[in-house]
Amino acid sequence: MIWRADRGGWPRRSRSTAGWTGVDLCQDGPLWLASDGAETGEIGESVRIGITKDAHRLLRFYLRGSVFVSGPKTLNL
């Protein structure tokens, strides 16, 4: 999995810079994905938000029932 910067997304919220673009989060390094050990709930999928190209494709994944998921509730069922 390769992390890429996008407009208005995680990089801006985390005060990250373009220097992190292309960092492989699955390898050892200064930035990585981690687990808190909690059991994972059911994963939902929906169309992506705010795009026009391939907008019909189910390319958005989220934890069902999470209060931290953005977008219309109708997409987060």
PDB file of N, CA and C in Angstrom:
ATOM      1  N   MET A   1       0.852  -1.175   0.000  1.00  0.00           N
ATOM      2  CA  MET A   1       0.000   0.000   0.000  1.00  0.00           C
ATOM      3  C   MET A   1       0.891   1.229   0.000  1.00  0.00           C
ATOM      4  N   ILE A   2       0.650   2.122  -0.907  1.00  0.00           N
ATOM      5  CA  ILE A   2       1.423   3.360  -0.999  1.00  0.00           C
ATOM      6  C   ILE A   2       0.503   4.517  -0.634  1.00  0.00           C
ATOM      7  N   TRP A   3       0.932   5.329   0.305  1.00  0.00           N
ATOM      8  CA  TRP A   3       0.156   6.488   0.720  1.00  0.00           C
ATOM      9  C   TRP A   3       0.414   7.619  -0.254  1.00  0.00           C
ATOM     10  N   ARG A   4      -0.626   8.283  -0.663  1.00  0.00           N
ATOM     11  CA  ARG A   4      -0.504   9.428  -1.561  1.00  0.00           C
ATOM     12  C   ARG A   4      -1.239  10.619  -0.958  1.00  0.00           C
ATOM     13  N   ALA A   5      -0.679  11.792  -1.128  1.00  0.00           N
ATOM     14  CA  ALA A   5      -1.329  13.009  -0.651  1.00  0.00           C
ATOM     15  C   ALA A   5      -2.536  13.324  -1.521  1.00  0.00           C
ATOM     16  N   ASP A   6      -3.601  13.784  -0.911  1.00  0.00           N
ATOM     17  CA  ASP A   6      -4.765  14.219  -1.685  1.00  0.00           C
ATOM     18  C   ASP A   6      -5.232  15.551  -1.138  1.00  0.00           C
ATOM     19  N   ARG A   7      -5.985  16.273  -1.940  1.00  0.00           N
ATOM     20  CA  ARG A   7      -6.399  17.609  -1.497  1.00  0.00           C
ATOM     21  C   ARG A   7      -7.428  17.489  -0.376  1.00  0.00           C
ATOM     22  N   GLY A   8      -7.148  18.155   0.731  1.00  0.00           N
ATOM     23  CA  GLY A   8      -8.094  18.202   1.834  1.00  0.00           C
ATOM     24  C   GLY A   8      -8.175  16.958   2.679  1.00  0.00           C
ATOM     25  N   GLY A   9      -7.365  15.975   2.417  1.00  0.00           N
ATOM     26  CA  GLY A   9      -7.483  14.721   3.139  1.00  0.00           C
ATOM     27  C   GLY A   9      -6.545  14.629   4.322  1.00  0.00           C
ATOM     28  N   TRP A  10      -6.154  13.426   4.635  1.00  0.00           N
ATOM     29  CA  TRP A  10      -5.335  13.147   5.810  1.00  0.00           C
ATOM     30  C   TRP A  10      -4.085  13.995   5.902  1.00  0.00           C
ATOM     31  N   PRO A  11      -3.355  14.231   4.826  1.00  0.00           N
ATOM     32  CA  PRO A  11      -2.123  15.017   4.963  1.00  0.00           C
ATOM     33  C   PRO A  11      -2.352  16.393   5.563  1.00  0.00           C
ATOM     34  N   ARG A  12      -3.414  17.069   5.153  1.00  0.00           N
ATOM     35  CA  ARG A  12      -3.664  18.408   5.691  1.00  0.00           C
ATOM     36  C   ARG A  12      -4.084  18.326   7.153  1.00  0.00           C
ATOM     37  N   ARG A  13      -4.946  17.393   7.494  1.00  0.00           N
ATOM     38  CA  ARG A  13      -5.416  17.270   8.874  1.00  0.00           C
ATOM     39  C   ARG A  13      -4.288  16.905   9.824  1.00  0.00           C
ATOM     40  N   SER A  14      -3.311  16.153   9.337  1.00  0.00           N
ATOM     41  CA  SER A  14      -2.219  15.719  10.196  1.00  0.00           C
ATOM     42  C   SER A  14      -1.020  16.659  10.127  1.00  0.00           C
ATOM     43  N   ARG A  15      -1.169  17.725   9.366  1.00  0.00           N
ATOM     44  CA  ARG A  15      -0.086  18.691   9.159  1.00  0.00           C
ATOM     45  C   ARG A  15       1.122  18.040   8.501  1.00  0.00           C
ATOM     46  N   SER A  16       0.863  17.038   7.718  1.00  0.00           N
ATOM     47  CA  SER A  16       1.911  16.363   6.969  1.00  0.00           C
ATOM     48  C   SER A  16       2.315  17.237   5.789  1.00  0.00           C
ATOM     49  N   THR A  17       3.405  16.902   5.174  1.00  0.00           N
ATOM     50  CA  THR A  17       3.873  17.654   4.011  1.00  0.00           C
ATOM     51  C   THR A  17       3.975  16.735   2.806  1.00  0.00           C
ATOM     52  N   ALA A  18       4.216  17.306   1.665  1.00  0.00           N
ATOM     53  CA  ALA A  18       4.368  16.526   0.434  1.00  0.00           C
ATOM     54  C   ALA A  18       5.569  15.594   0.523  1.00  0.00           C
ATOM     55  N   GLY A  19       6.448  15.810   1.475  1.00  0.00           N
ATOM     56  CA  GLY A  19       7.606  14.940   1.660  1.00  0.00           C
ATOM     57  C   GLY A  19       7.237  13.513   2.009  1.00  0.00           C
ATOM     58  N   TRP A  20       6.020  13.301   2.496  1.00  0.00           N
ATOM     59  CA  TRP A  20       5.557  11.947   2.842  1.00  0.00           C
ATOM     60  C   TRP A  20       4.922  11.243   1.654  1.00  0.00           C
ATOM     61  N   THR A  21       4.702  11.922   0.550  1.00  0.00           N
ATOM     62  CA  THR A  21       4.079  11.316  -0.619  1.00  0.00           C
ATOM     63  C   THR A  21       4.907  10.127  -1.100  1.00  0.00           C
ATOM     64  N   GLY A  22       4.248   8.994  -1.298  1.00  0.00           N
ATOM     65  CA  GLY A  22       4.925   7.810  -1.795  1.00  0.00           C
ATOM     66  C   GLY A  22       5.524   6.924  -0.729  1.00  0.00           C
ATOM     67  N   VAL A  23       5.427   7.303   0.545  1.00  0.00           N
ATOM     68  CA  VAL A  23       5.972   6.487   1.625  1.00  0.00           C
ATOM     69  C   VAL A  23       5.175   5.185   1.723  1.00  0.00           C
ATOM     70  N   ASP A  24       5.867   4.060   1.773  1.00  0.00           N
ATOM     71  CA  ASP A  24       5.225   2.752   1.904  1.00  0.00           C
ATOM     72  C   ASP A  24       4.945   2.506   3.377  1.00  0.00           C
ATOM     73  N   LEU A  25       3.669   2.509   3.745  1.00  0.00           N
ATOM     74  CA  LEU A  25       3.278   2.370   5.151  1.00  0.00           C
ATOM     75  C   LEU A  25       3.377   0.937   5.654  1.00  0.00           C
ATOM     76  N   CYS A  26       3.672  -0.001   4.771  1.00  0.00           N
ATOM     77  CA  CYS A  26       3.778  -1.407   5.170  1.00  0.00           C
ATOM     78  C   CYS A  26       5.220  -1.809   5.464  1.00  0.00           C
ATOM     79  N   GLN A  27       6.157  -0.902   5.321  1.00  0.00           N
ATOM     80  CA  GLN A  27       7.568  -1.170   5.586  1.00  0.00           C
ATOM     81  C   GLN A  27       8.004  -0.420   6.839  1.00  0.00           C
ATOM     82  N   ASP A  28       9.082  -0.880   7.460  1.00  0.00           N
ATOM     83  CA  ASP A  28       9.649  -0.155   8.593  1.00  0.00           C
ATOM     84  C   ASP A  28      10.100   1.219   8.120  1.00  0.00           C
ATOM     85  N   GLY A  29       9.875   2.216   8.937  1.00  0.00           N
ATOM     86  CA  GLY A  29      10.281   3.565   8.579  1.00  0.00           C
ATOM     87  C   GLY A  29       9.698   4.570   9.552  1.00  0.00           C
ATOM     88  N   PRO A  30       9.849   5.850   9.245  1.00  0.00           N
ATOM     89  CA  PRO A  30       9.402   6.896  10.169  1.00  0.00           C
ATOM     90  C   PRO A  30       7.877   7.039  10.241  1.00  0.00           C
ATOM     91  N   LEU A  31       7.149   6.474   9.261  1.00  0.00           N
ATOM     92  CA  LEU A  31       5.689   6.561   9.237  1.00  0.00           C
ATOM     93  C   LEU A  31       5.163   5.175   8.909  1.00  0.00           C
ATOM     94  N   TRP A  32       4.220   4.670   9.720  1.00  0.00           N
ATOM     95  CA  TRP A  32       3.736   3.317   9.505  1.00  0.00           C
ATOM     96  C   TRP A  32       2.302   3.165   9.990  1.00  0.00           C
ATOM     97  N   LEU A  33       1.663   2.085   9.575  1.00  0.00           N
ATOM     98  CA  LEU A  33       0.325   1.730  10.062  1.00  0.00           C
ATOM     99  C   LEU A  33       0.492   0.866  11.291  1.00  0.00           C
ATOM    100  N   ALA A  34      -0.354   1.069  12.271  1.00  0.00           N
ATOM    101  CA  ALA A  34      -0.271   0.285  13.500  1.00  0.00           C
ATOM    102  C   ALA A  34      -1.664  -0.140  13.924  1.00  0.00           C
ATOM    103  N   SER A  35      -1.729  -1.092  14.826  1.00  0.00           N
ATOM    104  CA  SER A  35      -2.995  -1.576  15.366  1.00  0.00           C
ATOM    105  C   SER A  35      -3.055  -1.244  16.845  1.00  0.00           C
ATOM    106  N   ASP A  36      -4.252  -0.919  17.318  1.00  0.00           N
ATOM    107  CA  ASP A  36      -4.411  -0.688  18.752  1.00  0.00           C
ATOM    108  C   ASP A  36      -4.819  -1.975  19.461  1.00  0.00           C
ATOM    109  N   GLY A  37      -4.931  -3.062  18.719  1.00  0.00           N
ATOM    110  CA  GLY A  37      -5.260  -4.353  19.304  1.00  0.00           C
ATOM    111  C   GLY A  37      -6.752  -4.604  19.453  1.00  0.00           C
ATOM    112  N   ALA A  38      -7.560  -3.582  19.204  1.00  0.00           N
ATOM    113  CA  ALA A  38      -9.009  -3.753  19.321  1.00  0.00           C
ATOM    114  C   ALA A  38      -9.523  -4.624  18.178  1.00  0.00           C
ATOM    115  N   GLU A  39     -10.580  -5.380  18.443  1.00  0.00           N
ATOM    116  CA  GLU A  39     -11.155  -6.215  17.407  1.00  0.00           C
ATOM    117  C   GLU A  39     -11.794  -5.341  16.341  1.00  0.00           C
ATOM    118  N   THR A  40     -11.565  -5.690  15.098  1.00  0.00           N
ATOM    119  CA  THR A  40     -12.111  -4.931  13.984  1.00  0.00           C
ATOM    120  C   THR A  40     -13.565  -5.303  13.766  1.00  0.00           C
ATOM    121  N   GLY A  41     -14.398  -4.295  13.557  1.00  0.00           N
ATOM    122  CA  GLY A  41     -15.803  -4.522  13.275  1.00  0.00           C
ATOM    123  C   GLY A  41     -16.030  -4.820  11.807  1.00  0.00           C
ATOM    124  N   GLU A  42     -17.272  -4.729  11.385  1.00  0.00           N
ATOM    125  CA  GLU A  42     -17.635  -5.011  10.005  1.00  0.00           C
ATOM    126  C   GLU A  42     -17.194  -3.869   9.098  1.00  0.00           C
ATOM    127  N   ILE A  43     -16.594  -4.212   7.975  1.00  0.00           N
ATOM    128  CA  ILE A  43     -16.114  -3.227   7.012  1.00  0.00           C
ATOM    129  C   ILE A  43     -17.210  -2.989   5.971  1.00  0.00           C
ATOM    130  N   GLY A  44     -17.539  -1.729   5.741  1.00  0.00           N
ATOM    131  CA  GLY A  44     -18.511  -1.357   4.721  1.00  0.00           C
ATOM    132  C   GLY A  44     -17.799  -0.830   3.494  1.00  0.00           C
ATOM    133  N   GLU A  45     -18.529  -0.745   2.407  1.00  0.00           N
ATOM    134  CA  GLU A  45     -17.973  -0.157   1.192  1.00  0.00           C
ATOM    135  C   GLU A  45     -19.045   0.679   0.524  1.00  0.00           C
ATOM    136  N   SER A  46     -18.610   1.716  -0.174  1.00  0.00           N
ATOM    137  CA  SER A  46     -19.547   2.586  -0.883  1.00  0.00           C
ATOM    138  C   SER A  46     -18.815   3.277  -2.017  1.00  0.00           C
ATOM    139  N   VAL A  47     -19.558   4.085  -2.745  1.00  0.00           N
ATOM    140  CA  VAL A  47     -18.936   4.898  -3.778  1.00  0.00           C
ATOM    141  C   VAL A  47     -18.116   5.987  -3.100  1.00  0.00           C
ATOM    142  N   ARG A  48     -17.149   6.519  -3.821  1.00  0.00           N
ATOM    143  CA  ARG A  48     -16.323   7.582  -3.261  1.00  0.00           C
ATOM    144  C   ARG A  48     -17.091   8.898  -3.285  1.00  0.00           C
ATOM    145  N   ILE A  49     -16.662   9.843  -2.477  1.00  0.00           N
ATOM    146  CA  ILE A  49     -17.352  11.121  -2.315  1.00  0.00           C
ATOM    147  C   ILE A  49     -16.565  12.223  -3.014  1.00  0.00           C
ATOM    148  N   GLY A  50     -17.275  13.082  -3.747  1.00  0.00           N
ATOM    149  CA  GLY A  50     -16.666  14.278  -4.317  1.00  0.00           C
ATOM    150  C   GLY A  50     -15.811  14.045  -5.536  1.00  0.00           C
ATOM    151  N   ILE A  51     -16.034  12.963  -6.258  1.00  0.00           N
ATOM    152  CA  ILE A  51     -15.274  12.721  -7.482  1.00  0.00           C
ATOM    153  C   ILE A  51     -16.235  12.537  -8.648  1.00  0.00           C
ATOM    154  N   THR A  52     -15.727  12.652  -9.851  1.00  0.00           N
ATOM    155  CA  THR A  52     -16.561  12.411 -11.031  1.00  0.00           C
ATOM    156  C   THR A  52     -16.063  11.208 -11.818  1.00  0.00           C
ATOM    157  N   LYS A  53     -14.770  10.985 -11.859  1.00  0.00           N
ATOM    158  CA  LYS A  53     -14.225   9.858 -12.607  1.00  0.00           C
ATOM    159  C   LYS A  53     -14.454   8.567 -11.820  1.00  0.00           C
ATOM    160  N   ASP A  54     -15.083   7.584 -12.447  1.00  0.00           N
ATOM    161  CA  ASP A  54     -15.364   6.286 -11.818  1.00  0.00           C
ATOM    162  C   ASP A  54     -16.166   6.424 -10.525  1.00  0.00           C
ATOM    163  N   ALA A  55     -17.033   7.423 -10.475  1.00  0.00           N
ATOM    164  CA  ALA A  55     -17.806   7.696  -9.261  1.00  0.00           C
ATOM    165  C   ALA A  55     -18.734   6.543  -8.878  1.00  0.00           C
ATOM    166  N   HIS A  56     -19.048   5.681  -9.803  1.00  0.00           N
ATOM    167  CA  HIS A  56     -19.952   4.557  -9.540  1.00  0.00           C
ATOM    168  C   HIS A  56     -19.253   3.372  -8.862  1.00  0.00           C
ATOM    169  N   ARG A  57     -17.931   3.357  -8.877  1.00  0.00           N
ATOM    170  CA  ARG A  57     -17.182   2.213  -8.352  1.00  0.00           C
ATOM    171  C   ARG A  57     -17.122   2.231  -6.824  1.00  0.00           C
ATOM    172  N   LEU A  58     -17.224   1.061  -6.233  1.00  0.00           N
ATOM    173  CA  LEU A  58     -17.159   0.924  -4.775  1.00  0.00           C
ATOM    174  C   LEU A  58     -15.693   0.887  -4.344  1.00  0.00           C
ATOM    175  N   LEU A  59     -15.124   2.074  -4.146  1.00  0.00           N
ATOM    176  CA  LEU A  59     -13.710   2.189  -3.790  1.00  0.00           C
ATOM    177  C   LEU A  59     -13.509   2.925  -2.469  1.00  0.00           C
ATOM    178  N   ARG A  60     -14.541   3.003  -1.650  1.00  0.00           N
ATOM    179  CA  ARG A  60     -14.467   3.672  -0.351  1.00  0.00           C
ATOM    180  C   ARG A  60     -14.791   2.630   0.711  1.00  0.00           C
ATOM    181  N   PHE A  61     -13.894   2.420   1.642  1.00  0.00           N
ATOM    182  CA  PHE A  61     -14.061   1.403   2.673  1.00  0.00           C
ATOM    183  C   PHE A  61     -14.034   2.064   4.039  1.00  0.00           C
ATOM    184  N   TYR A  62     -14.842   1.565   4.949  1.00  0.00           N
ATOM    185  CA  TYR A  62     -14.970   2.200   6.260  1.00  0.00           C
ATOM    186  C   TYR A  62     -15.437   1.182   7.290  1.00  0.00           C
ATOM    187  N   LEU A  63     -15.293   1.523   8.540  1.00  0.00           N
ATOM    188  CA  LEU A  63     -15.754   0.696   9.650  1.00  0.00           C
ATOM    189  C   LEU A  63     -17.217   1.032   9.922  1.00  0.00           C
ATOM    190  N   ARG A  64     -18.103   0.072   9.690  1.00  0.00           N
ATOM    191  CA  ARG A  64     -19.544   0.309   9.886  1.00  0.00           C
ATOM    192  C   ARG A  64     -19.830   0.725  11.331  1.00  0.00           C
ATOM    193  N   GLY A  65     -20.686   1.720  11.470  1.00  0.00           N
ATOM    194  CA  GLY A  65     -21.081   2.194  12.789  1.00  0.00           C
ATOM    195  C   GLY A  65     -20.127   3.181  13.432  1.00  0.00           C
ATOM    196  N   SER A  66     -19.019   3.482  12.798  1.00  0.00           N
ATOM    197  CA  SER A  66     -18.047   4.401  13.377  1.00  0.00           C
ATOM    198  C   SER A  66     -18.556   5.837  13.275  1.00  0.00           C
ATOM    199  N   VAL A  67     -18.420   6.578  14.358  1.00  0.00           N
ATOM    200  CA  VAL A  67     -18.819   7.992  14.353  1.00  0.00           C
ATOM    201  C   VAL A  67     -17.784   8.853  13.620  1.00  0.00           C
ATOM    202  N   PHE A  68     -16.646   8.259  13.271  1.00  0.00           N
ATOM    203  CA  PHE A  68     -15.571   9.005  12.632  1.00  0.00           C
ATOM    204  C   PHE A  68     -15.620   8.939  11.106  1.00  0.00           C
ATOM    205  N   VAL A  69     -16.604   8.260  10.547  1.00  0.00           N
ATOM    206  CA  VAL A  69     -16.721   8.139   9.100  1.00  0.00           C
ATOM    207  C   VAL A  69     -17.430   9.371   8.557  1.00  0.00           C
ATOM    208  N   SER A  70     -16.828  10.006   7.552  1.00  0.00           N
ATOM    209  CA  SER A  70     -17.430  11.203   6.977  1.00  0.00           C
ATOM    210  C   SER A  70     -18.400  10.846   5.861  1.00  0.00           C
ATOM    211  N   GLY A  71     -19.154  11.824   5.431  1.00  0.00           N
ATOM    212  CA  GLY A  71     -20.066  11.641   4.314  1.00  0.00           C
ATOM    213  C   GLY A  71     -21.493  11.396   4.749  1.00  0.00           C
ATOM    214  N   PRO A  72     -22.392  11.362   3.773  1.00  0.00           N
ATOM    215  CA  PRO A  72     -23.809  11.152   4.065  1.00  0.00           C
ATOM    216  C   PRO A  72     -24.055   9.794   4.734  1.00  0.00           C
ATOM    217  N   LYS A  73     -24.924   9.778   5.709  1.00  0.00           N
ATOM    218  CA  LYS A  73     -25.240   8.536   6.416  1.00  0.00           C
ATOM    219  C   LYS A  73     -25.762   7.452   5.484  1.00  0.00           C
ATOM    220  N   THR A  74     -26.426   7.857   4.385  1.00  0.00           N
ATOM    221  CA  THR A  74     -26.950   6.863   3.440  1.00  0.00           C
ATOM    222  C   THR A  74     -25.839   6.069   2.765  1.00  0.00           C
ATOM    223  N   LEU A  75     -24.624   6.647   2.689  1.00  0.00           N
ATOM    224  CA  LEU A  75     -23.499   5.916   2.113  1.00  0.00           C
ATOM    225  C   LEU A  75     -22.818   5.010   3.127  1.00  0.00           C
ATOM    226  N   ASN A  76     -23.065   5.237   4.393  1.00  0.00           N
ATOM    227  CA  ASN A  76     -22.339   4.544   5.464  1.00  0.00           C
ATOM    228  C   ASN A  76     -23.143   3.448   6.132  1.00  0.00           C
ATOM    229  N   LEU A  77     -24.028   2.826   5.398  1.00  0.00           N
ATOM    230  CA  LEU A  77     -24.852   1.762   5.961  1.00  0.00           C
ATOM    231  C   LEU A  77     -24.127   0.443   5.988  1.00  0.00           C
TER     232      LEU A  77
END
